[in-house]
Amino acid sequence: MNPQYEYGERVRVIRNVRNDGTFPGLPTGTPLIRRGSVGYVKDVGTFLQDRIVYSVHFLDDDKIVGCLEEELIPADAEWIESLYEVREKVRAKLALGSKGKVLVEAGGVGQVLRVLRGADTGVQYQVLFPGPLTLQIPESALESAEEQQETTSSAVDAD
């Protein structure tokens, strides 16, 4: 088991990192580092002798956070920012279909299963809709379901 990254190397975290209970002073589940942030490898270790864990110092946030190898890419690797992350609720801006058949009505809510970042295609998402139905959808066809709920709640509260 050889580490992919070495001490002092610049790396980028590819998904949001939350406290799993090992970051002192903050409750479990608290967001620590946002996806796309760049840091420096401070130490390399293992977890349960079969997973490489990197202590990464994120200077902008002044936090040292443990990251698994699959959560990191080289800092100079191509990075395409995305609006949504795995497990976020999203809403279809328009009806989604295939071969002339509507599969998801406009406004249908689903959950992001996977974020696909491609230079040629832009950001796309694999989204699980009720049914169960999984579709690959471009970012431009989605909006946040949480934001819509907050807006709706605010409008109701204002009355």
N, C-alpha and C. Protein backbone atom coordinates (compact mmCIF):
# COMPACT_ATOMS: atom_id res chain seq x y z
N MET A 1 0.85 -1.17 0.00
CA MET A 1 0.00 0.00 0.00
C MET A 1 0.90 1.24 0.00
N ASN A 2 1.06 1.83 -1.16
CA ASN A 2 1.90 3.02 -1.30
C ASN A 2 1.02 4.26 -1.43
N PRO A 3 1.34 5.31 -0.67
CA PRO A 3 0.54 6.53 -0.77
C PRO A 3 0.73 7.22 -2.12
N GLN A 4 -0.34 7.80 -2.60
CA GLN A 4 -0.30 8.52 -3.87
C GLN A 4 0.29 9.91 -3.69
N TYR A 5 0.14 10.49 -2.50
CA TYR A 5 0.61 11.85 -2.23
C TYR A 5 1.67 11.83 -1.12
N GLU A 6 2.58 12.76 -1.20
CA GLU A 6 3.69 12.84 -0.24
C GLU A 6 3.59 14.11 0.59
N TYR A 7 4.36 14.14 1.67
CA TYR A 7 4.44 15.30 2.56
C TYR A 7 4.71 16.57 1.75
N GLY A 8 3.94 17.62 2.01
CA GLY A 8 4.14 18.92 1.37
C GLY A 8 3.43 19.07 0.04
N GLU A 9 2.87 18.00 -0.50
CA GLU A 9 2.22 18.07 -1.81
C GLU A 9 0.88 18.81 -1.71
N ARG A 10 0.60 19.64 -2.73
CA ARG A 10 -0.67 20.36 -2.81
C ARG A 10 -1.75 19.43 -3.35
N VAL A 11 -2.88 19.35 -2.65
CA VAL A 11 -3.98 18.49 -3.05
C VAL A 11 -5.30 19.26 -2.97
N ARG A 12 -6.29 18.75 -3.70
CA ARG A 12 -7.63 19.34 -3.68
C ARG A 12 -8.62 18.28 -3.19
N VAL A 13 -9.50 18.66 -2.30
CA VAL A 13 -10.52 17.73 -1.82
C VAL A 13 -11.71 17.80 -2.79
N ILE A 14 -12.22 16.63 -3.19
CA ILE A 14 -13.25 16.60 -4.24
C ILE A 14 -14.67 16.47 -3.71
N ARG A 15 -14.83 16.35 -2.41
CA ARG A 15 -16.18 16.36 -1.84
C ARG A 15 -16.14 17.08 -0.50
N ASN A 16 -17.30 17.56 -0.09
CA ASN A 16 -17.38 18.25 1.20
C ASN A 16 -16.97 17.31 2.32
N VAL A 17 -16.20 17.84 3.26
CA VAL A 17 -15.73 17.03 4.40
C VAL A 17 -16.45 17.53 5.65
N ARG A 18 -17.09 16.58 6.33
CA ARG A 18 -17.78 16.88 7.58
C ARG A 18 -17.08 16.16 8.73
N ASN A 19 -17.30 16.66 9.92
CA ASN A 19 -16.70 16.05 11.10
C ASN A 19 -17.34 14.68 11.33
N ASP A 20 -16.51 13.66 11.30
CA ASP A 20 -16.97 12.29 11.57
C ASP A 20 -16.84 11.94 13.05
N GLY A 21 -16.57 12.94 13.85
CA GLY A 21 -16.40 12.73 15.28
C GLY A 21 -14.95 12.77 15.71
N THR A 22 -14.03 12.85 14.75
CA THR A 22 -12.60 12.85 15.08
C THR A 22 -12.00 14.25 15.11
N PHE A 23 -12.76 15.27 14.68
CA PHE A 23 -12.25 16.65 14.72
C PHE A 23 -12.68 17.27 16.05
N PRO A 24 -11.72 17.65 16.89
CA PRO A 24 -12.04 18.11 18.24
C PRO A 24 -12.77 19.45 18.27
N GLY A 25 -13.69 19.56 19.22
CA GLY A 25 -14.34 20.83 19.49
C GLY A 25 -15.56 21.14 18.65
N LEU A 26 -15.91 20.28 17.70
CA LEU A 26 -17.08 20.52 16.87
C LEU A 26 -17.98 19.28 16.88
N PRO A 27 -19.28 19.49 16.82
CA PRO A 27 -20.19 18.35 16.81
C PRO A 27 -20.03 17.49 15.54
N THR A 28 -20.33 16.21 15.66
CA THR A 28 -20.32 15.32 14.51
C THR A 28 -21.30 15.84 13.47
N GLY A 29 -20.87 15.81 12.21
CA GLY A 29 -21.70 16.29 11.10
C GLY A 29 -21.44 17.72 10.70
N THR A 30 -20.68 18.46 11.50
CA THR A 30 -20.38 19.85 11.19
C THR A 30 -19.52 19.92 9.93
N PRO A 31 -19.89 20.78 8.95
CA PRO A 31 -19.04 20.95 7.76
C PRO A 31 -17.66 21.49 8.16
N LEU A 32 -16.61 20.87 7.59
CA LEU A 32 -15.24 21.30 7.89
C LEU A 32 -14.59 21.99 6.69
N ILE A 33 -14.62 21.32 5.55
CA ILE A 33 -13.94 21.82 4.35
C ILE A 33 -14.85 21.65 3.15
N ARG A 34 -14.96 22.69 2.32
CA ARG A 34 -15.80 22.64 1.12
C ARG A 34 -15.04 21.98 -0.03
N ARG A 35 -15.77 21.19 -0.82
CA ARG A 35 -15.17 20.54 -1.99
C ARG A 35 -14.52 21.61 -2.88
N GLY A 36 -13.37 21.23 -3.44
CA GLY A 36 -12.62 22.16 -4.28
C GLY A 36 -11.51 22.90 -3.54
N SER A 37 -11.53 22.84 -2.22
CA SER A 37 -10.51 23.53 -1.42
C SER A 37 -9.15 22.85 -1.59
N VAL A 38 -8.11 23.67 -1.54
CA VAL A 38 -6.73 23.18 -1.73
C VAL A 38 -6.00 23.24 -0.39
N GLY A 39 -5.22 22.19 -0.12
CA GLY A 39 -4.43 22.13 1.09
C GLY A 39 -3.12 21.43 0.83
N TYR A 40 -2.32 21.24 1.88
CA TYR A 40 -1.01 20.61 1.78
C TYR A 40 -0.95 19.38 2.67
N VAL A 41 -0.42 18.30 2.13
CA VAL A 41 -0.28 17.07 2.91
C VAL A 41 0.70 17.32 4.04
N LYS A 42 0.25 17.08 5.26
CA LYS A 42 1.08 17.28 6.45
C LYS A 42 1.61 15.95 6.97
N ASP A 43 0.81 14.86 6.77
CA ASP A 43 1.21 13.55 7.28
C ASP A 43 0.44 12.49 6.51
N VAL A 44 0.99 11.28 6.47
CA VAL A 44 0.35 10.14 5.82
C VAL A 44 0.28 9.01 6.82
N GLY A 45 -0.89 8.41 6.96
CA GLY A 45 -1.07 7.29 7.89
C GLY A 45 -2.04 6.28 7.31
N THR A 46 -2.45 5.36 8.15
CA THR A 46 -3.43 4.36 7.72
C THR A 46 -4.56 4.26 8.73
N PHE A 47 -5.68 3.75 8.25
CA PHE A 47 -6.83 3.49 9.10
C PHE A 47 -7.17 2.01 8.94
N LEU A 48 -7.24 1.29 10.04
CA LEU A 48 -7.51 -0.15 10.05
C LEU A 48 -6.55 -0.91 9.13
N GLN A 49 -5.38 -0.39 8.95
CA GLN A 49 -4.28 -1.01 8.20
C GLN A 49 -4.60 -1.26 6.73
N ASP A 50 -5.73 -0.76 6.24
CA ASP A 50 -6.02 -1.00 4.82
C ASP A 50 -6.47 0.24 4.06
N ARG A 51 -6.54 1.40 4.73
CA ARG A 51 -6.93 2.65 4.07
C ARG A 51 -5.92 3.73 4.39
N ILE A 52 -5.47 4.40 3.37
CA ILE A 52 -4.51 5.50 3.56
C ILE A 52 -5.29 6.75 3.93
N VAL A 53 -4.81 7.42 4.97
CA VAL A 53 -5.41 8.66 5.44
C VAL A 53 -4.33 9.74 5.43
N TYR A 54 -4.68 10.90 4.88
CA TYR A 54 -3.76 12.03 4.81
C TYR A 54 -4.22 13.11 5.76
N SER A 55 -3.31 13.65 6.56
CA SER A 55 -3.58 14.87 7.32
C SER A 55 -3.27 16.01 6.37
N VAL A 56 -4.30 16.78 6.04
CA VAL A 56 -4.14 17.86 5.06
C VAL A 56 -4.41 19.19 5.76
N HIS A 57 -3.47 20.12 5.60
CA HIS A 57 -3.61 21.46 6.18
C HIS A 57 -4.22 22.37 5.13
N PHE A 58 -5.46 22.81 5.38
CA PHE A 58 -6.15 23.74 4.49
C PHE A 58 -5.89 25.14 5.05
N LEU A 59 -4.98 25.85 4.40
CA LEU A 59 -4.52 27.13 4.93
C LEU A 59 -5.63 28.18 4.98
N ASP A 60 -6.49 28.23 3.94
CA ASP A 60 -7.56 29.23 3.92
C ASP A 60 -8.52 29.08 5.09
N ASP A 61 -8.74 27.84 5.53
CA ASP A 61 -9.64 27.58 6.65
C ASP A 61 -8.87 27.38 7.95
N ASP A 62 -7.54 27.33 7.87
CA ASP A 62 -6.65 27.06 9.00
C ASP A 62 -7.11 25.83 9.79
N LYS A 63 -7.35 24.73 9.02
CA LYS A 63 -7.74 23.47 9.63
C LYS A 63 -6.88 22.34 9.08
N ILE A 64 -6.54 21.40 9.96
CA ILE A 64 -5.86 20.18 9.54
C ILE A 64 -6.90 19.07 9.66
N VAL A 65 -7.20 18.44 8.52
CA VAL A 65 -8.30 17.49 8.44
C VAL A 65 -7.79 16.18 7.84
N GLY A 66 -8.27 15.08 8.36
CA GLY A 66 -7.95 13.77 7.79
C GLY A 66 -8.80 13.51 6.56
N CYS A 67 -8.14 13.13 5.46
CA CYS A 67 -8.83 12.85 4.20
C CYS A 67 -8.40 11.50 3.66
N LEU A 68 -9.36 10.76 3.15
CA LEU A 68 -9.05 9.49 2.49
C LEU A 68 -8.50 9.76 1.10
N GLU A 69 -7.69 8.83 0.60
CA GLU A 69 -7.05 9.02 -0.70
C GLU A 69 -8.07 9.28 -1.81
N GLU A 70 -9.23 8.59 -1.77
CA GLU A 70 -10.22 8.78 -2.82
C GLU A 70 -10.93 10.12 -2.76
N GLU A 71 -10.70 10.88 -1.69
CA GLU A 71 -11.29 12.20 -1.56
C GLU A 71 -10.39 13.29 -2.12
N LEU A 72 -9.20 12.93 -2.59
CA LEU A 72 -8.20 13.91 -3.02
C LEU A 72 -7.80 13.72 -4.47
N ILE A 73 -7.43 14.85 -5.10
CA ILE A 73 -6.78 14.84 -6.41
C ILE A 73 -5.62 15.84 -6.33
N PRO A 74 -4.66 15.76 -7.25
CA PRO A 74 -3.61 16.77 -7.25
C PRO A 74 -4.22 18.17 -7.42
N ALA A 75 -3.67 19.16 -6.76
CA ALA A 75 -4.22 20.51 -6.81
C ALA A 75 -4.21 21.09 -8.21
N ASP A 76 -3.25 20.68 -9.02
CA ASP A 76 -3.17 21.23 -10.39
C ASP A 76 -3.99 20.43 -11.40
N ALA A 77 -4.68 19.36 -10.96
CA ALA A 77 -5.56 18.60 -11.86
C ALA A 77 -6.77 19.45 -12.19
N GLU A 78 -7.35 19.22 -13.36
CA GLU A 78 -8.52 19.98 -13.78
C GLU A 78 -9.64 19.81 -12.75
N TRP A 79 -10.27 20.92 -12.39
CA TRP A 79 -11.36 20.90 -11.44
C TRP A 79 -12.51 21.72 -12.00
N ILE A 80 -13.67 21.14 -12.05
CA ILE A 80 -14.87 21.83 -12.51
C ILE A 80 -15.81 21.92 -11.31
N GLU A 81 -16.11 23.13 -10.90
CA GLU A 81 -16.99 23.35 -9.74
C GLU A 81 -18.41 22.92 -10.08
N SER A 82 -19.12 22.40 -9.09
CA SER A 82 -20.50 21.98 -9.29
C SER A 82 -21.40 22.67 -8.26
N LEU A 83 -22.68 22.81 -8.62
CA LEU A 83 -23.63 23.44 -7.70
C LEU A 83 -24.12 22.50 -6.61
N TYR A 84 -24.19 21.21 -6.93
CA TYR A 84 -24.78 20.24 -6.00
C TYR A 84 -23.78 19.15 -5.66
N GLU A 85 -24.05 18.46 -4.58
CA GLU A 85 -23.17 17.41 -4.09
C GLU A 85 -23.99 16.14 -3.86
N VAL A 86 -23.30 15.03 -3.71
CA VAL A 86 -23.95 13.75 -3.44
C VAL A 86 -24.86 13.89 -2.21
N ARG A 87 -26.03 13.31 -2.30
CA ARG A 87 -27.07 13.26 -1.26
C ARG A 87 -27.92 14.53 -1.19
N GLU A 88 -27.60 15.56 -1.98
CA GLU A 88 -28.43 16.77 -1.96
C GLU A 88 -29.72 16.52 -2.73
N LYS A 89 -30.79 17.16 -2.28
CA LYS A 89 -32.08 17.09 -2.96
C LYS A 89 -32.11 18.15 -4.07
N VAL A 90 -32.54 17.73 -5.26
CA VAL A 90 -32.64 18.64 -6.40
C VAL A 90 -34.03 18.51 -7.03
N ARG A 91 -34.41 19.55 -7.77
CA ARG A 91 -35.71 19.60 -8.42
C ARG A 91 -35.50 19.79 -9.92
N ALA A 92 -36.26 19.05 -10.72
CA ALA A 92 -36.19 19.20 -12.18
C ALA A 92 -36.81 20.53 -12.58
N LYS A 93 -36.08 21.35 -13.35
CA LYS A 93 -36.61 22.63 -13.81
C LYS A 93 -37.65 22.44 -14.91
N LEU A 94 -37.57 21.33 -15.61
CA LEU A 94 -38.46 21.04 -16.72
C LEU A 94 -38.76 19.55 -16.74
N ALA A 95 -39.73 19.16 -17.54
CA ALA A 95 -40.07 17.74 -17.64
C ALA A 95 -38.88 16.99 -18.26
N LEU A 96 -38.56 15.83 -17.70
CA LEU A 96 -37.45 15.02 -18.18
C LEU A 96 -38.02 13.75 -18.81
N GLY A 97 -37.50 13.41 -19.99
CA GLY A 97 -38.05 12.25 -20.67
C GLY A 97 -37.06 11.56 -21.56
N SER A 98 -37.54 10.49 -22.17
CA SER A 98 -36.75 9.70 -23.10
C SER A 98 -37.69 9.10 -24.14
N LYS A 99 -37.30 9.20 -25.41
CA LYS A 99 -38.07 8.63 -26.52
C LYS A 99 -39.52 9.11 -26.51
N GLY A 100 -39.72 10.39 -26.23
CA GLY A 100 -41.05 10.98 -26.26
C GLY A 100 -41.91 10.72 -25.04
N LYS A 101 -41.38 10.03 -24.05
CA LYS A 101 -42.14 9.71 -22.84
C LYS A 101 -41.60 10.52 -21.66
N VAL A 102 -42.49 11.23 -20.97
CA VAL A 102 -42.09 11.99 -19.80
C VAL A 102 -41.85 11.01 -18.64
N LEU A 103 -40.65 11.06 -18.08
CA LEU A 103 -40.28 10.19 -16.98
C LEU A 103 -40.38 10.90 -15.63
N VAL A 104 -40.07 12.21 -15.64
CA VAL A 104 -40.14 13.03 -14.42
C VAL A 104 -40.78 14.36 -14.81
N GLU A 105 -41.86 14.70 -14.14
CA GLU A 105 -42.53 15.98 -14.39
C GLU A 105 -41.66 17.14 -13.91
N ALA A 106 -41.86 18.31 -14.50
CA ALA A 106 -41.18 19.51 -14.01
C ALA A 106 -41.53 19.69 -12.54
N GLY A 107 -40.54 19.96 -11.72
CA GLY A 107 -40.75 20.13 -10.28
C GLY A 107 -40.52 18.85 -9.50
N GLY A 108 -40.31 17.72 -10.21
CA GLY A 108 -40.05 16.46 -9.53
C GLY A 108 -38.76 16.53 -8.72
N VAL A 109 -38.78 15.98 -7.52
CA VAL A 109 -37.63 16.05 -6.61
C VAL A 109 -36.91 14.71 -6.58
N GLY A 110 -35.59 14.78 -6.65
CA GLY A 110 -34.76 13.59 -6.56
C GLY A 110 -33.54 13.86 -5.70
N GLN A 111 -32.69 12.84 -5.56
CA GLN A 111 -31.49 12.96 -4.75
C GLN A 111 -30.27 12.64 -5.60
N VAL A 112 -29.24 13.49 -5.52
CA VAL A 112 -28.01 13.29 -6.28
C VAL A 112 -27.29 12.05 -5.76
N LEU A 113 -27.01 11.12 -6.68
CA LEU A 113 -26.25 9.91 -6.35
C LEU A 113 -24.78 10.08 -6.69
N ARG A 114 -24.52 10.82 -7.78
CA ARG A 114 -23.14 10.95 -8.25
C ARG A 114 -22.98 12.24 -9.04
N VAL A 115 -21.83 12.90 -8.90
CA VAL A 115 -21.50 14.10 -9.65
C VAL A 115 -20.50 13.70 -10.72
N LEU A 116 -20.80 14.06 -11.96
CA LEU A 116 -19.93 13.73 -13.10
C LEU A 116 -19.38 15.04 -13.67
N ARG A 117 -18.08 15.22 -13.57
CA ARG A 117 -17.45 16.44 -14.07
C ARG A 117 -16.67 16.10 -15.32
N GLY A 118 -17.12 16.60 -16.47
CA GLY A 118 -16.41 16.34 -17.71
C GLY A 118 -16.14 17.62 -18.45
N ALA A 119 -14.93 17.77 -18.96
CA ALA A 119 -14.56 18.99 -19.69
C ALA A 119 -15.45 19.18 -20.91
N ASP A 120 -15.82 18.10 -21.57
CA ASP A 120 -16.63 18.19 -22.79
C ASP A 120 -18.11 18.39 -22.49
N THR A 121 -18.61 17.77 -21.44
CA THR A 121 -20.04 17.76 -21.15
C THR A 121 -20.45 18.73 -20.05
N GLY A 122 -19.49 19.30 -19.36
CA GLY A 122 -19.82 20.12 -18.20
C GLY A 122 -20.21 19.23 -17.04
N VAL A 123 -20.88 19.79 -16.06
CA VAL A 123 -21.27 19.02 -14.89
C VAL A 123 -22.62 18.36 -15.15
N GLN A 124 -22.68 17.05 -14.89
CA GLN A 124 -23.92 16.31 -14.96
C GLN A 124 -24.07 15.52 -13.66
N TYR A 125 -25.29 15.07 -13.41
CA TYR A 125 -25.58 14.37 -12.17
C TYR A 125 -26.37 13.11 -12.46
N GLN A 126 -26.06 12.07 -11.71
CA GLN A 126 -26.94 10.91 -11.68
C GLN A 126 -27.88 11.17 -10.51
N VAL A 127 -29.18 11.25 -10.82
CA VAL A 127 -30.18 11.61 -9.82
C VAL A 127 -31.20 10.49 -9.68
N LEU A 128 -31.48 10.12 -8.45
CA LEU A 128 -32.49 9.11 -8.15
C LEU A 128 -33.82 9.80 -7.88
N PHE A 129 -34.81 9.50 -8.72
CA PHE A 129 -36.17 10.01 -8.56
C PHE A 129 -37.05 8.87 -8.05
N PRO A 130 -38.21 9.20 -7.46
CA PRO A 130 -39.12 8.14 -7.00
C PRO A 130 -39.49 7.22 -8.16
N GLY A 131 -39.67 5.99 -7.84
CA GLY A 131 -40.04 5.03 -8.86
C GLY A 131 -39.49 3.64 -8.64
N PRO A 132 -38.29 3.38 -8.34
CA PRO A 132 -37.12 4.27 -8.41
C PRO A 132 -36.65 4.42 -9.86
N LEU A 133 -36.17 5.59 -10.17
CA LEU A 133 -35.72 5.93 -11.51
C LEU A 133 -34.44 6.75 -11.39
N THR A 134 -33.37 6.30 -12.03
CA THR A 134 -32.10 7.04 -12.02
C THR A 134 -31.86 7.61 -13.40
N LEU A 135 -31.63 8.92 -13.46
CA LEU A 135 -31.36 9.61 -14.72
C LEU A 135 -30.08 10.40 -14.62
N GLN A 136 -29.40 10.57 -15.75
CA GLN A 136 -28.23 11.44 -15.83
C GLN A 136 -28.70 12.76 -16.42
N ILE A 137 -28.50 13.84 -15.66
CA ILE A 137 -29.10 15.13 -16.01
C ILE A 137 -28.04 16.23 -15.96
N PRO A 138 -28.04 17.14 -16.96
CA PRO A 138 -27.11 18.26 -16.91
C PRO A 138 -27.48 19.25 -15.81
N GLU A 139 -26.49 19.92 -15.28
CA GLU A 139 -26.70 20.86 -14.18
C GLU A 139 -27.73 21.93 -14.53
N SER A 140 -27.77 22.36 -15.79
CA SER A 140 -28.68 23.42 -16.21
C SER A 140 -30.15 23.03 -16.08
N ALA A 141 -30.47 21.74 -15.96
CA ALA A 141 -31.86 21.28 -15.87
C ALA A 141 -32.31 21.08 -14.43
N LEU A 142 -31.47 21.46 -13.46
CA LEU A 142 -31.78 21.23 -12.05
C LEU A 142 -31.74 22.52 -11.25
N GLU A 143 -32.46 22.50 -10.13
CA GLU A 143 -32.37 23.57 -9.14
C GLU A 143 -32.41 22.91 -7.76
N SER A 144 -31.98 23.64 -6.77
CA SER A 144 -31.94 23.09 -5.42
C SER A 144 -33.36 22.94 -4.87
N ALA A 145 -33.67 21.76 -4.37
CA ALA A 145 -34.97 21.54 -3.73
C ALA A 145 -35.01 22.23 -2.38
N GLU A 146 -33.88 22.34 -1.69
CA GLU A 146 -33.83 22.99 -0.38
C GLU A 146 -34.13 24.47 -0.50
N GLU A 147 -33.52 25.13 -1.52
CA GLU A 147 -33.76 26.57 -1.70
C GLU A 147 -35.23 26.83 -1.98
N GLN A 148 -35.85 25.99 -2.80
CA GLN A 148 -37.26 26.14 -3.13
C GLN A 148 -38.11 26.00 -1.87
N GLN A 149 -37.78 25.04 -1.00
CA GLN A 149 -38.53 24.85 0.23
C GLN A 149 -38.37 26.06 1.15
N GLU A 150 -37.14 26.61 1.22
CA GLU A 150 -36.90 27.78 2.06
C GLU A 150 -37.71 28.96 1.56
N THR A 151 -37.74 29.17 0.23
CA THR A 151 -38.50 30.26 -0.36
C THR A 151 -39.98 30.09 -0.08
N THR A 152 -40.49 28.89 -0.24
CA THR A 152 -41.88 28.59 0.03
C THR A 152 -42.20 28.86 1.50
N SER A 153 -41.34 28.39 2.40
CA SER A 153 -41.54 28.59 3.82
C SER A 153 -41.55 30.08 4.17
N SER A 154 -40.64 30.83 3.57
CA SER A 154 -40.56 32.26 3.84
C SER A 154 -41.82 32.96 3.37
N ALA A 155 -42.34 32.56 2.20
CA ALA A 155 -43.55 33.19 1.67
C ALA A 155 -44.73 32.91 2.59
N VAL A 156 -44.82 31.71 3.13
CA VAL A 156 -45.91 31.34 4.02
C VAL A 156 -45.78 32.10 5.34
N ASP A 157 -44.54 32.21 5.84
CA ASP A 157 -44.29 32.89 7.10
C ASP A 157 -44.61 34.39 7.02
N ALA A 158 -44.49 34.98 5.81
CA ALA A 158 -44.67 36.41 5.65
C ALA A 158 -46.14 36.79 5.74
N ASP A 159 -47.06 35.84 5.51
CA ASP A 159 -48.50 36.15 5.52
C ASP A 159 -49.03 36.38 6.87
